[in-house]
C-alpha cells in the first residue's frame, strides 16, 4: 500500500558470493578514511 521495499543485508555472503566487491568497497573506504570523510568512533581502548 505504501510502496516501499524491505531489503535484507547479510554482508558476510559477499565474501563468498562476490569477494571482488568486498575488495572494491575496502578501496573506497580507504579513500574516504584518507580524506577524513570517515573515521571509526572509538569510545574505549581496553587491555586484554
ModelCIF file with pLDDT and N, C-alpha, C, O atoms, coordinates in Angstrom:
data_MODEL
#
_entry.id   MODEL 
#
_entity.id                         1 
_entity.type                       polymer 
_entity.pdbx_number_of_molecules   1 
#
_entity_poly.entity_id                      1 
_entity_poly.type                           'polypeptide(L)' 
_entity_poly.nstd_linkage                   no 
_entity_poly.nstd_monomer                   no 
_entity_poly.pdbx_seq_one_letter_code       
;(UNK)(UNK)(UNK)(UNK)(UNK)(UNK)(UNK)(UNK)(UNK)(UNK)(UNK)(UNK)(UNK)(UNK)(UNK)(UNK)
(UNK)(UNK)(UNK)(UNK)(UNK)(UNK)(UNK)(UNK)(UNK)(UNK)(UNK)(UNK)(UNK)(UNK)(UNK)(UNK)
(UNK)(UNK)(UNK)(UNK)(UNK)(UNK)(UNK)(UNK)(UNK)(UNK)(UNK)(UNK)(UNK)(UNK)(UNK)(UNK)
;
_entity_poly.pdbx_seq_one_letter_code_can   XXXXXXXXXXXXXXXXXXXXXXXXXXXXXXXXXXXXXXXXXXXXXXXX 
_entity_poly.pdbx_strand_id                 A 
#
loop_
_entity_poly_seq.entity_id 
_entity_poly_seq.num 
_entity_poly_seq.mon_id 
_entity_poly_seq.hetero 
1 1  UNK n 
1 2  UNK n 
1 3  UNK n 
1 4  UNK n 
1 5  UNK n 
1 6  UNK n 
1 7  UNK n 
1 8  UNK n 
1 9  UNK n 
1 10 UNK n 
1 11 UNK n 
1 12 UNK n 
1 13 UNK n 
1 14 UNK n 
1 15 UNK n 
1 16 UNK n 
1 17 UNK n 
1 18 UNK n 
1 19 UNK n 
1 20 UNK n 
1 21 UNK n 
1 22 UNK n 
1 23 UNK n 
1 24 UNK n 
1 25 UNK n 
1 26 UNK n 
1 27 UNK n 
1 28 UNK n 
1 29 UNK n 
1 30 UNK n 
1 31 UNK n 
1 32 UNK n 
1 33 UNK n 
1 34 UNK n 
1 35 UNK n 
1 36 UNK n 
1 37 UNK n 
1 38 UNK n 
1 39 UNK n 
1 40 UNK n 
1 41 UNK n 
1 42 UNK n 
1 43 UNK n 
1 44 UNK n 
1 45 UNK n 
1 46 UNK n 
1 47 UNK n 
1 48 UNK n 
#
_struct_asym.id          A 
_struct_asym.entity_id   1 
#
loop_
_ma_qa_metric.id 
_ma_qa_metric.mode 
_ma_qa_metric.name 
_ma_qa_metric.software_group_id 
_ma_qa_metric.type 
1 global pLDDT . pLDDT 
2 local  pLDDT . pLDDT 
#
_ma_qa_metric_global.metric_id      1 
_ma_qa_metric_global.metric_value   95.73 
_ma_qa_metric_global.model_id       1 
_ma_qa_metric_global.ordinal_id     1 
#
loop_
_ma_qa_metric_local.label_asym_id 
_ma_qa_metric_local.label_comp_id 
_ma_qa_metric_local.label_seq_id 
_ma_qa_metric_local.metric_id 
_ma_qa_metric_local.metric_value 
_ma_qa_metric_local.model_id 
_ma_qa_metric_local.ordinal_id 
A UNK 1  2 92.00 1 1  
A UNK 2  2 94.00 1 2  
A UNK 3  2 96.00 1 3  
A UNK 4  2 97.00 1 4  
A UNK 5  2 97.00 1 5  
A UNK 6  2 97.00 1 6  
A UNK 7  2 97.00 1 7  
A UNK 8  2 96.00 1 8  
A UNK 9  2 95.00 1 9  
A UNK 10 2 94.00 1 10 
A UNK 11 2 94.00 1 11 
A UNK 12 2 89.00 1 12 
A UNK 13 2 93.00 1 13 
A UNK 14 2 95.00 1 14 
A UNK 15 2 90.00 1 15 
A UNK 16 2 90.00 1 16 
A UNK 17 2 95.00 1 17 
A UNK 18 2 96.00 1 18 
A UNK 19 2 94.00 1 19 
A UNK 20 2 95.00 1 20 
A UNK 21 2 97.00 1 21 
A UNK 22 2 96.00 1 22 
A UNK 23 2 96.00 1 23 
A UNK 24 2 97.00 1 24 
A UNK 25 2 98.00 1 25 
A UNK 26 2 98.00 1 26 
A UNK 27 2 97.00 1 27 
A UNK 28 2 97.00 1 28 
A UNK 29 2 98.00 1 29 
A UNK 30 2 98.00 1 30 
A UNK 31 2 98.00 1 31 
A UNK 32 2 98.00 1 32 
A UNK 33 2 98.00 1 33 
A UNK 34 2 97.00 1 34 
A UNK 35 2 96.00 1 35 
A UNK 36 2 95.00 1 36 
A UNK 37 2 96.00 1 37 
A UNK 38 2 96.00 1 38 
A UNK 39 2 96.00 1 39 
A UNK 40 2 97.00 1 40 
A UNK 41 2 96.00 1 41 
A UNK 42 2 97.00 1 42 
A UNK 43 2 95.00 1 43 
A UNK 44 2 95.00 1 44 
A UNK 45 2 97.00 1 45 
A UNK 46 2 97.00 1 46 
A UNK 47 2 96.00 1 47 
A UNK 48 2 97.00 1 48 
#
loop_
_atom_site.group_PDB 
_atom_site.id 
_atom_site.type_symbol 
_atom_site.label_atom_id 
_atom_site.label_alt_id 
_atom_site.label_comp_id 
_atom_site.label_asym_id 
_atom_site.label_entity_id 
_atom_site.label_seq_id 
_atom_site.pdbx_PDB_ins_code 
_atom_site.Cartn_x 
_atom_site.Cartn_y 
_atom_site.Cartn_z 
_atom_site.occupancy 
_atom_site.B_iso_or_equiv 
_atom_site.pdbx_formal_charge 
_atom_site.auth_seq_id 
_atom_site.auth_comp_id 
_atom_site.auth_asym_id 
_atom_site.auth_atom_id 
_atom_site.pdbx_PDB_model_num 
ATOM 1   N N  . UNK A 1 1  ? 0.823  -1.219  0.000  1.00 92.00 ? 1  UNK A N  1 
ATOM 2   C CA . UNK A 1 1  ? 0.000  0.000   0.000  1.00 92.00 ? 1  UNK A CA 1 
ATOM 3   C C  . UNK A 1 1  ? 0.853  1.264   0.000  1.00 92.00 ? 1  UNK A C  1 
ATOM 4   O O  . UNK A 1 1  ? 0.521  2.245   -0.664 1.00 92.00 ? 1  UNK A O  1 
ATOM 5   N N  . UNK A 1 2  ? 1.976  1.233   0.764  1.00 94.00 ? 2  UNK A N  1 
ATOM 6   C CA . UNK A 1 2  ? 2.822  2.422   0.865  1.00 94.00 ? 2  UNK A CA 1 
ATOM 7   C C  . UNK A 1 2  ? 3.953  2.448   -0.162 1.00 94.00 ? 2  UNK A C  1 
ATOM 8   O O  . UNK A 1 2  ? 4.668  3.443   -0.279 1.00 94.00 ? 2  UNK A O  1 
ATOM 9   N N  . UNK A 1 3  ? 4.110  1.361   -0.899 1.00 96.00 ? 3  UNK A N  1 
ATOM 10  C CA . UNK A 1 3  ? 5.081  1.315   -1.992 1.00 96.00 ? 3  UNK A CA 1 
ATOM 11  C C  . UNK A 1 3  ? 6.524  1.521   -1.508 1.00 96.00 ? 3  UNK A C  1 
ATOM 12  O O  . UNK A 1 3  ? 7.243  2.385   -2.010 1.00 96.00 ? 3  UNK A O  1 
ATOM 13  N N  . UNK A 1 4  ? 6.929  0.706   -0.522 1.00 97.00 ? 4  UNK A N  1 
ATOM 14  C CA . UNK A 1 4  ? 8.316  0.742   -0.071 1.00 97.00 ? 4  UNK A CA 1 
ATOM 15  C C  . UNK A 1 4  ? 8.913  -0.659  -0.148 1.00 97.00 ? 4  UNK A C  1 
ATOM 16  O O  . UNK A 1 4  ? 8.194  -1.646  -0.307 1.00 97.00 ? 4  UNK A O  1 
ATOM 17  N N  . UNK A 1 5  ? 10.218 -0.732  -0.035 1.00 97.00 ? 5  UNK A N  1 
ATOM 18  C CA . UNK A 1 5  ? 10.937 -2.007  -0.143 1.00 97.00 ? 5  UNK A CA 1 
ATOM 19  C C  . UNK A 1 5  ? 11.591 -2.370  1.190  1.00 97.00 ? 5  UNK A C  1 
ATOM 20  O O  . UNK A 1 5  ? 12.070 -1.497  1.913  1.00 97.00 ? 5  UNK A O  1 
ATOM 21  N N  . UNK A 1 6  ? 11.605 -3.645  1.502  1.00 97.00 ? 6  UNK A N  1 
ATOM 22  C CA . UNK A 1 6  ? 12.327 -4.164  2.659  1.00 97.00 ? 6  UNK A CA 1 
ATOM 23  C C  . UNK A 1 6  ? 13.504 -4.980  2.126  1.00 97.00 ? 6  UNK A C  1 
ATOM 24  O O  . UNK A 1 6  ? 13.313 -5.978  1.431  1.00 97.00 ? 6  UNK A O  1 
ATOM 25  N N  . UNK A 1 7  ? 14.716 -4.549  2.456  1.00 97.00 ? 7  UNK A N  1 
ATOM 26  C CA . UNK A 1 7  ? 15.928 -5.143  1.898  1.00 97.00 ? 7  UNK A CA 1 
ATOM 27  C C  . UNK A 1 7  ? 16.741 -5.808  3.000  1.00 97.00 ? 7  UNK A C  1 
ATOM 28  O O  . UNK A 1 7  ? 17.103 -5.163  3.984  1.00 97.00 ? 7  UNK A O  1 
ATOM 29  N N  . UNK A 1 8  ? 17.025 -7.074  2.840  1.00 96.00 ? 8  UNK A N  1 
ATOM 30  C CA . UNK A 1 8  ? 17.885 -7.763  3.787  1.00 96.00 ? 8  UNK A CA 1 
ATOM 31  C C  . UNK A 1 8  ? 19.349 -7.558  3.433  1.00 96.00 ? 8  UNK A C  1 
ATOM 32  O O  . UNK A 1 8  ? 19.704 -7.432  2.261  1.00 96.00 ? 8  UNK A O  1 
ATOM 33  N N  . UNK A 1 9  ? 20.195 -7.526  4.456  1.00 95.00 ? 9  UNK A N  1 
ATOM 34  C CA . UNK A 1 9  ? 21.627 -7.389  4.214  1.00 95.00 ? 9  UNK A CA 1 
ATOM 35  C C  . UNK A 1 9  ? 22.395 -8.351  5.111  1.00 95.00 ? 9  UNK A C  1 
ATOM 36  O O  . UNK A 1 9  ? 22.413 -8.191  6.332  1.00 95.00 ? 9  UNK A O  1 
ATOM 37  N N  . UNK A 1 10 ? 23.021 -9.336  4.510  1.00 94.00 ? 10 UNK A N  1 
ATOM 38  C CA . UNK A 1 10 ? 23.947 -10.238 5.185  1.00 94.00 ? 10 UNK A CA 1 
ATOM 39  C C  . UNK A 1 10 ? 25.294 -10.032 4.533  1.00 94.00 ? 10 UNK A C  1 
ATOM 40  O O  . UNK A 1 10 ? 25.612 -10.670 3.529  1.00 94.00 ? 10 UNK A O  1 
ATOM 41  N N  . UNK A 1 11 ? 26.093 -9.133  5.108  1.00 94.00 ? 11 UNK A N  1 
ATOM 42  C CA . UNK A 1 11 ? 27.344 -8.745  4.450  1.00 94.00 ? 11 UNK A CA 1 
ATOM 43  C C  . UNK A 1 11 ? 28.269 -9.942  4.254  1.00 94.00 ? 11 UNK A C  1 
ATOM 44  O O  . UNK A 1 11 ? 28.961 -10.025 3.239  1.00 94.00 ? 11 UNK A O  1 
ATOM 45  N N  . UNK A 1 12 ? 28.291 -10.862 5.202  1.00 89.00 ? 12 UNK A N  1 
ATOM 46  C CA . UNK A 1 12 ? 29.204 -11.989 5.107  1.00 89.00 ? 12 UNK A CA 1 
ATOM 47  C C  . UNK A 1 12 ? 29.066 -12.786 3.819  1.00 89.00 ? 12 UNK A C  1 
ATOM 48  O O  . UNK A 1 12 ? 30.034 -13.397 3.366  1.00 89.00 ? 12 UNK A O  1 
ATOM 49  N N  . UNK A 1 13 ? 27.882 -12.789 3.225  1.00 93.00 ? 13 UNK A N  1 
ATOM 50  C CA . UNK A 1 13 ? 27.676 -13.534 1.981  1.00 93.00 ? 13 UNK A CA 1 
ATOM 51  C C  . UNK A 1 13 ? 28.530 -13.001 0.835  1.00 93.00 ? 13 UNK A C  1 
ATOM 52  O O  . UNK A 1 13 ? 28.905 -13.753 -0.064 1.00 93.00 ? 13 UNK A O  1 
ATOM 53  N N  . UNK A 1 14 ? 28.839 -11.699 0.868  1.00 95.00 ? 14 UNK A N  1 
ATOM 54  C CA . UNK A 1 14 ? 29.637 -11.132 -0.218 1.00 95.00 ? 14 UNK A CA 1 
ATOM 55  C C  . UNK A 1 14 ? 31.051 -11.711 -0.235 1.00 95.00 ? 14 UNK A C  1 
ATOM 56  O O  . UNK A 1 14 ? 31.701 -11.742 -1.281 1.00 95.00 ? 14 UNK A O  1 
ATOM 57  N N  . UNK A 1 15 ? 31.528 -12.172 0.930  1.00 90.00 ? 15 UNK A N  1 
ATOM 58  C CA . UNK A 1 15 ? 32.860 -12.765 0.975  1.00 90.00 ? 15 UNK A CA 1 
ATOM 59  C C  . UNK A 1 15 ? 32.949 -14.010 0.111  1.00 90.00 ? 15 UNK A C  1 
ATOM 60  O O  . UNK A 1 15 ? 34.008 -14.314 -0.437 1.00 90.00 ? 15 UNK A O  1 
ATOM 61  N N  . UNK A 1 16 ? 31.842 -14.733 -0.015 1.00 90.00 ? 16 UNK A N  1 
ATOM 62  C CA . UNK A 1 16 ? 31.842 -15.947 -0.846 1.00 90.00 ? 16 UNK A CA 1 
ATOM 63  C C  . UNK A 1 16 ? 31.176 -15.724 -2.202 1.00 90.00 ? 16 UNK A C  1 
ATOM 64  O O  . UNK A 1 16 ? 31.592 -16.318 -3.197 1.00 90.00 ? 16 UNK A O  1 
ATOM 65  N N  . UNK A 1 17 ? 30.160 -14.885 -2.254 1.00 95.00 ? 17 UNK A N  1 
ATOM 66  C CA . UNK A 1 17 ? 29.417 -14.672 -3.497 1.00 95.00 ? 17 UNK A CA 1 
ATOM 67  C C  . UNK A 1 17 ? 30.069 -13.643 -4.420 1.00 95.00 ? 17 UNK A C  1 
ATOM 68  O O  . UNK A 1 17 ? 29.973 -13.753 -5.643 1.00 95.00 ? 17 UNK A O  1 
ATOM 69  N N  . UNK A 1 18 ? 30.737 -12.640 -3.832 1.00 96.00 ? 18 UNK A N  1 
ATOM 70  C CA . UNK A 1 18 ? 31.311 -11.576 -4.655 1.00 96.00 ? 18 UNK A CA 1 
ATOM 71  C C  . UNK A 1 18 ? 32.494 -10.937 -3.929 1.00 96.00 ? 18 UNK A C  1 
ATOM 72  O O  . UNK A 1 18 ? 32.427 -9.763  -3.567 1.00 96.00 ? 18 UNK A O  1 
ATOM 73  N N  . UNK A 1 19 ? 33.577 -11.690 -3.709 1.00 94.00 ? 19 UNK A N  1 
ATOM 74  C CA . UNK A 1 19 ? 34.716 -11.141 -2.967 1.00 94.00 ? 19 UNK A CA 1 
ATOM 75  C C  . UNK A 1 19 ? 35.353 -9.933  -3.641 1.00 94.00 ? 19 UNK A C  1 
ATOM 76  O O  . UNK A 1 19 ? 35.946 -9.093  -2.963 1.00 94.00 ? 19 UNK A O  1 
ATOM 77  N N  . UNK A 1 20 ? 35.242 -9.832  -4.946 1.00 95.00 ? 20 UNK A N  1 
ATOM 78  C CA . UNK A 1 20 ? 35.802 -8.667  -5.632 1.00 95.00 ? 20 UNK A CA 1 
ATOM 79  C C  . UNK A 1 20 ? 35.102 -7.390  -5.183 1.00 95.00 ? 20 UNK A C  1 
ATOM 80  O O  . UNK A 1 20 ? 35.729 -6.334  -5.091 1.00 95.00 ? 20 UNK A O  1 
ATOM 81  N N  . UNK A 1 21 ? 33.793 -7.485  -4.901 1.00 97.00 ? 21 UNK A N  1 
ATOM 82  C CA . UNK A 1 21 ? 33.048 -6.320  -4.428 1.00 97.00 ? 21 UNK A CA 1 
ATOM 83  C C  . UNK A 1 21 ? 33.510 -5.898  -3.036 1.00 97.00 ? 21 UNK A C  1 
ATOM 84  O O  . UNK A 1 21 ? 33.532 -4.708  -2.719 1.00 97.00 ? 21 UNK A O  1 
ATOM 85  N N  . UNK A 1 22 ? 33.880 -6.875  -2.207 1.00 96.00 ? 22 UNK A N  1 
ATOM 86  C CA . UNK A 1 22 ? 34.387 -6.566  -0.866 1.00 96.00 ? 22 UNK A CA 1 
ATOM 87  C C  . UNK A 1 22 ? 35.687 -5.781  -0.962 1.00 96.00 ? 22 UNK A C  1 
ATOM 88  O O  . UNK A 1 22 ? 35.886 -4.808  -0.235 1.00 96.00 ? 22 UNK A O  1 
ATOM 89  N N  . UNK A 1 23 ? 36.565 -6.202  -1.856 1.00 96.00 ? 23 UNK A N  1 
ATOM 90  C CA . UNK A 1 23 ? 37.840 -5.502  -2.026 1.00 96.00 ? 23 UNK A CA 1 
ATOM 91  C C  . UNK A 1 23 ? 37.636 -4.103  -2.625 1.00 96.00 ? 23 UNK A C  1 
ATOM 92  O O  . UNK A 1 23 ? 38.319 -3.154  -2.239 1.00 96.00 ? 23 UNK A O  1 
ATOM 93  N N  . UNK A 1 24 ? 36.708 -3.986  -3.555 1.00 97.00 ? 24 UNK A N  1 
ATOM 94  C CA . UNK A 1 24 ? 36.412 -2.670  -4.132 1.00 97.00 ? 24 UNK A CA 1 
ATOM 95  C C  . UNK A 1 24 ? 35.845 -1.738  -3.071 1.00 97.00 ? 24 UNK A C  1 
ATOM 96  O O  . UNK A 1 24 ? 36.170 -0.551  -3.033 1.00 97.00 ? 24 UNK A O  1 
ATOM 97  N N  . UNK A 1 25 ? 35.001 -2.285  -2.218 1.00 98.00 ? 25 UNK A N  1 
ATOM 98  C CA . UNK A 1 25 ? 34.452 -1.490  -1.114 1.00 98.00 ? 25 UNK A CA 1 
ATOM 99  C C  . UNK A 1 25 ? 35.567 -1.039  -0.183 1.00 98.00 ? 25 UNK A C  1 
ATOM 100 O O  . UNK A 1 25 ? 35.578 0.111   0.258  1.00 98.00 ? 25 UNK A O  1 
ATOM 101 N N  . UNK A 1 26 ? 36.510 -1.934  0.123  1.00 98.00 ? 26 UNK A N  1 
ATOM 102 C CA . UNK A 1 26 ? 37.617 -1.567  1.005  1.00 98.00 ? 26 UNK A CA 1 
ATOM 103 C C  . UNK A 1 26 ? 38.454 -0.442  0.400  1.00 98.00 ? 26 UNK A C  1 
ATOM 104 O O  . UNK A 1 26 ? 38.912 0.449   1.115  1.00 98.00 ? 26 UNK A O  1 
ATOM 105 N N  . UNK A 1 27 ? 38.648 -0.486  -0.894 1.00 97.00 ? 27 UNK A N  1 
ATOM 106 C CA . UNK A 1 27 ? 39.380 0.590   -1.567 1.00 97.00 ? 27 UNK A CA 1 
ATOM 107 C C  . UNK A 1 27 ? 38.644 1.925   -1.390 1.00 97.00 ? 27 UNK A C  1 
ATOM 108 O O  . UNK A 1 27 ? 39.262 2.959   -1.137 1.00 97.00 ? 27 UNK A O  1 
ATOM 109 N N  . UNK A 1 28 ? 37.332 1.880   -1.526 1.00 97.00 ? 28 UNK A N  1 
ATOM 110 C CA . UNK A 1 28 ? 36.532 3.098   -1.342 1.00 97.00 ? 28 UNK A CA 1 
ATOM 111 C C  . UNK A 1 28 ? 36.615 3.589   0.095  1.00 97.00 ? 28 UNK A C  1 
ATOM 112 O O  . UNK A 1 28 ? 36.766 4.787   0.332  1.00 97.00 ? 28 UNK A O  1 
ATOM 113 N N  . UNK A 1 29 ? 36.519 2.675   1.055  1.00 98.00 ? 29 UNK A N  1 
ATOM 114 C CA . UNK A 1 29 ? 36.602 3.062   2.468  1.00 98.00 ? 29 UNK A CA 1 
ATOM 115 C C  . UNK A 1 29 ? 37.974 3.625   2.809  1.00 98.00 ? 29 UNK A C  1 
ATOM 116 O O  . UNK A 1 29 ? 38.086 4.575   3.584  1.00 98.00 ? 29 UNK A O  1 
ATOM 117 N N  . UNK A 1 30 ? 39.015 3.040   2.231  1.00 98.00 ? 30 UNK A N  1 
ATOM 118 C CA . UNK A 1 30 ? 40.371 3.533   2.469  1.00 98.00 ? 30 UNK A CA 1 
ATOM 119 C C  . UNK A 1 30 ? 40.523 4.954   1.951  1.00 98.00 ? 30 UNK A C  1 
ATOM 120 O O  . UNK A 1 30 ? 41.155 5.792   2.595  1.00 98.00 ? 30 UNK A O  1 
ATOM 121 N N  . UNK A 1 31 ? 39.944 5.222   0.787  1.00 98.00 ? 31 UNK A N  1 
ATOM 122 C CA . UNK A 1 31 ? 39.988 6.580   0.231  1.00 98.00 ? 31 UNK A CA 1 
ATOM 123 C C  . UNK A 1 31 ? 39.204 7.559   1.101  1.00 98.00 ? 31 UNK A C  1 
ATOM 124 O O  . UNK A 1 31 ? 39.656 8.678   1.346  1.00 98.00 ? 31 UNK A O  1 
ATOM 125 N N  . UNK A 1 32 ? 38.028 7.136   1.565  1.00 98.00 ? 32 UNK A N  1 
ATOM 126 C CA . UNK A 1 32 ? 37.232 8.001   2.445  1.00 98.00 ? 32 UNK A CA 1 
ATOM 127 C C  . UNK A 1 32 ? 37.969 8.298   3.744  1.00 98.00 ? 32 UNK A C  1 
ATOM 128 O O  . UNK A 1 32 ? 37.913 9.417   4.253  1.00 98.00 ? 32 UNK A O  1 
ATOM 129 N N  . UNK A 1 33 ? 38.660 7.293   4.280  1.00 98.00 ? 33 UNK A N  1 
ATOM 130 C CA . UNK A 1 33 ? 39.426 7.496   5.513  1.00 98.00 ? 33 UNK A CA 1 
ATOM 131 C C  . UNK A 1 33 ? 40.597 8.441   5.268  1.00 98.00 ? 33 UNK A C  1 
ATOM 132 O O  . UNK A 1 33 ? 40.916 9.267   6.123  1.00 98.00 ? 33 UNK A O  1 
ATOM 133 N N  . UNK A 1 34 ? 41.236 8.325   4.109  1.00 97.00 ? 34 UNK A N  1 
ATOM 134 C CA . UNK A 1 34 ? 42.389 9.157   3.789  1.00 97.00 ? 34 UNK A CA 1 
ATOM 135 C C  . UNK A 1 34 ? 42.026 10.632  3.719  1.00 97.00 ? 34 UNK A C  1 
ATOM 136 O O  . UNK A 1 34 ? 42.827 11.495  4.080  1.00 97.00 ? 34 UNK A O  1 
ATOM 137 N N  . UNK A 1 35 ? 40.813 10.917  3.253  1.00 96.00 ? 35 UNK A N  1 
ATOM 138 C CA . UNK A 1 35 ? 40.405 12.323  3.190  1.00 96.00 ? 35 UNK A CA 1 
ATOM 139 C C  . UNK A 1 35 ? 39.555 12.758  4.372  1.00 96.00 ? 35 UNK A C  1 
ATOM 140 O O  . UNK A 1 35 ? 38.993 13.853  4.370  1.00 96.00 ? 35 UNK A O  1 
ATOM 141 N N  . UNK A 1 36 ? 39.461 11.896  5.387  1.00 95.00 ? 36 UNK A N  1 
ATOM 142 C CA . UNK A 1 36 ? 38.791 12.266  6.632  1.00 95.00 ? 36 UNK A CA 1 
ATOM 143 C C  . UNK A 1 36 ? 37.283 12.220  6.587  1.00 95.00 ? 36 UNK A C  1 
ATOM 144 O O  . UNK A 1 36 ? 36.622 12.713  7.501  1.00 95.00 ? 36 UNK A O  1 
ATOM 145 N N  . UNK A 1 37 ? 36.723 11.639  5.541  1.00 96.00 ? 37 UNK A N  1 
ATOM 146 C CA . UNK A 1 37 ? 35.263 11.571  5.437  1.00 96.00 ? 37 UNK A CA 1 
ATOM 147 C C  . UNK A 1 37 ? 34.672 10.529  6.388  1.00 96.00 ? 37 UNK A C  1 
ATOM 148 O O  . UNK A 1 37 ? 33.532 10.663  6.834  1.00 96.00 ? 37 UNK A O  1 
ATOM 149 N N  . UNK A 1 38 ? 35.447 9.503   6.690  1.00 96.00 ? 38 UNK A N  1 
ATOM 150 C CA . UNK A 1 38 ? 35.037 8.533   7.706  1.00 96.00 ? 38 UNK A CA 1 
ATOM 151 C C  . UNK A 1 38 ? 36.200 8.312   8.656  1.00 96.00 ? 38 UNK A C  1 
ATOM 152 O O  . UNK A 1 38 ? 37.364 8.349   8.257  1.00 96.00 ? 38 UNK A O  1 
ATOM 153 N N  . UNK A 1 39 ? 35.866 8.082   9.922  1.00 96.00 ? 39 UNK A N  1 
ATOM 154 C CA . UNK A 1 39 ? 36.854 7.795   10.961 1.00 96.00 ? 39 UNK A CA 1 
ATOM 155 C C  . UNK A 1 39 ? 36.133 7.048   12.066 1.00 96.00 ? 39 UNK A C  1 
ATOM 156 O O  . UNK A 1 39 ? 35.305 7.636   12.762 1.00 96.00 ? 39 UNK A O  1 
ATOM 157 N N  . UNK A 1 40 ? 36.424 5.768   12.246 1.00 97.00 ? 40 UNK A N  1 
ATOM 158 C CA . UNK A 1 40 ? 35.709 4.993   13.257 1.00 97.00 ? 40 UNK A CA 1 
ATOM 159 C C  . UNK A 1 40 ? 35.723 5.654   14.626 1.00 97.00 ? 40 UNK A C  1 
ATOM 160 O O  . UNK A 1 40 ? 36.756 6.124   15.103 1.00 97.00 ? 40 UNK A O  1 
ATOM 161 N N  . UNK A 1 41 ? 34.551 5.677   15.242 1.00 96.00 ? 41 UNK A N  1 
ATOM 162 C CA . UNK A 1 41 ? 34.390 6.269   16.568 1.00 96.00 ? 41 UNK A CA 1 
ATOM 163 C C  . UNK A 1 41 ? 34.813 5.237   17.614 1.00 96.00 ? 41 UNK A C  1 
ATOM 164 O O  . UNK A 1 41 ? 34.088 4.276   17.871 1.00 96.00 ? 41 UNK A O  1 
ATOM 165 N N  . UNK A 1 42 ? 35.978 5.435   18.209 1.00 97.00 ? 42 UNK A N  1 
ATOM 166 C CA . UNK A 1 42 ? 36.477 4.526   19.233 1.00 97.00 ? 42 UNK A CA 1 
ATOM 167 C C  . UNK A 1 42 ? 36.188 5.152   20.593 1.00 97.00 ? 42 UNK A C  1 
ATOM 168 O O  . UNK A 1 42 ? 36.810 6.142   20.976 1.00 97.00 ? 42 UNK A O  1 
ATOM 169 N N  . UNK A 1 43 ? 35.245 4.569   21.312 1.00 95.00 ? 43 UNK A N  1 
ATOM 170 C CA . UNK A 1 43 ? 34.862 5.132   22.606 1.00 95.00 ? 43 UNK A CA 1 
ATOM 171 C C  . UNK A 1 43 ? 35.778 4.676   23.718 1.00 95.00 ? 43 UNK A C  1 
ATOM 172 O O  . UNK A 1 43 ? 35.914 5.361   24.732 1.00 95.00 ? 43 UNK A O  1 
ATOM 173 N N  . UNK A 1 44 ? 36.417 3.513   23.541 1.00 95.00 ? 44 UNK A N  1 
ATOM 174 C CA . UNK A 1 44 ? 37.274 2.983   24.606 1.00 95.00 ? 44 UNK A CA 1 
ATOM 175 C C  . UNK A 1 44 ? 38.279 2.002   24.017 1.00 95.00 ? 44 UNK A C  1 
ATOM 176 O O  . UNK A 1 44 ? 37.945 1.197   23.148 1.00 95.00 ? 44 UNK A O  1 
ATOM 177 N N  . UNK A 1 45 ? 39.495 2.081   24.495 1.00 97.00 ? 45 UNK A N  1 
ATOM 178 C CA . UNK A 1 45 ? 40.548 1.134   24.141 1.00 97.00 ? 45 UNK A CA 1 
ATOM 179 C C  . UNK A 1 45 ? 40.930 0.417   25.424 1.00 97.00 ? 45 UNK A C  1 
ATOM 180 O O  . UNK A 1 45 ? 41.424 1.041   26.364 1.00 97.00 ? 45 UNK A O  1 
ATOM 181 N N  . UNK A 1 46 ? 40.706 -0.888  25.470 1.00 97.00 ? 46 UNK A N  1 
ATOM 182 C CA . UNK A 1 46 ? 40.874 -1.610  26.718 1.00 97.00 ? 46 UNK A CA 1 
ATOM 183 C C  . UNK A 1 46 ? 41.982 -2.655  26.600 1.00 97.00 ? 46 UNK A C  1 
ATOM 184 O O  . UNK A 1 46 ? 42.294 -3.140  25.513 1.00 97.00 ? 46 UNK A O  1 
ATOM 185 N N  . UNK A 1 47 ? 42.561 -2.983  27.742 1.00 96.00 ? 47 UNK A N  1 
ATOM 186 C CA . UNK A 1 47 ? 43.592 -4.004  27.795 1.00 96.00 ? 47 UNK A CA 1 
ATOM 187 C C  . UNK A 1 47 ? 42.976 -5.391  27.614 1.00 96.00 ? 47 UNK A C  1 
ATOM 188 O O  . UNK A 1 47 ? 41.768 -5.575  27.764 1.00 96.00 ? 47 UNK A O  1 
ATOM 189 N N  . UNK A 1 48 ? 43.816 -6.343  27.294 1.00 97.00 ? 48 UNK A N  1 
ATOM 190 C CA . UNK A 1 48 ? 43.370 -7.718  27.093 1.00 97.00 ? 48 UNK A CA 1 
ATOM 191 C C  . UNK A 1 48 ? 42.562 -8.216  28.294 1.00 97.00 ? 48 UNK A C  1 
ATOM 192 O O  . UNK A 1 48 ? 42.104 -9.358  28.300 1.00 97.00 ? 48 UNK A O  1 
#
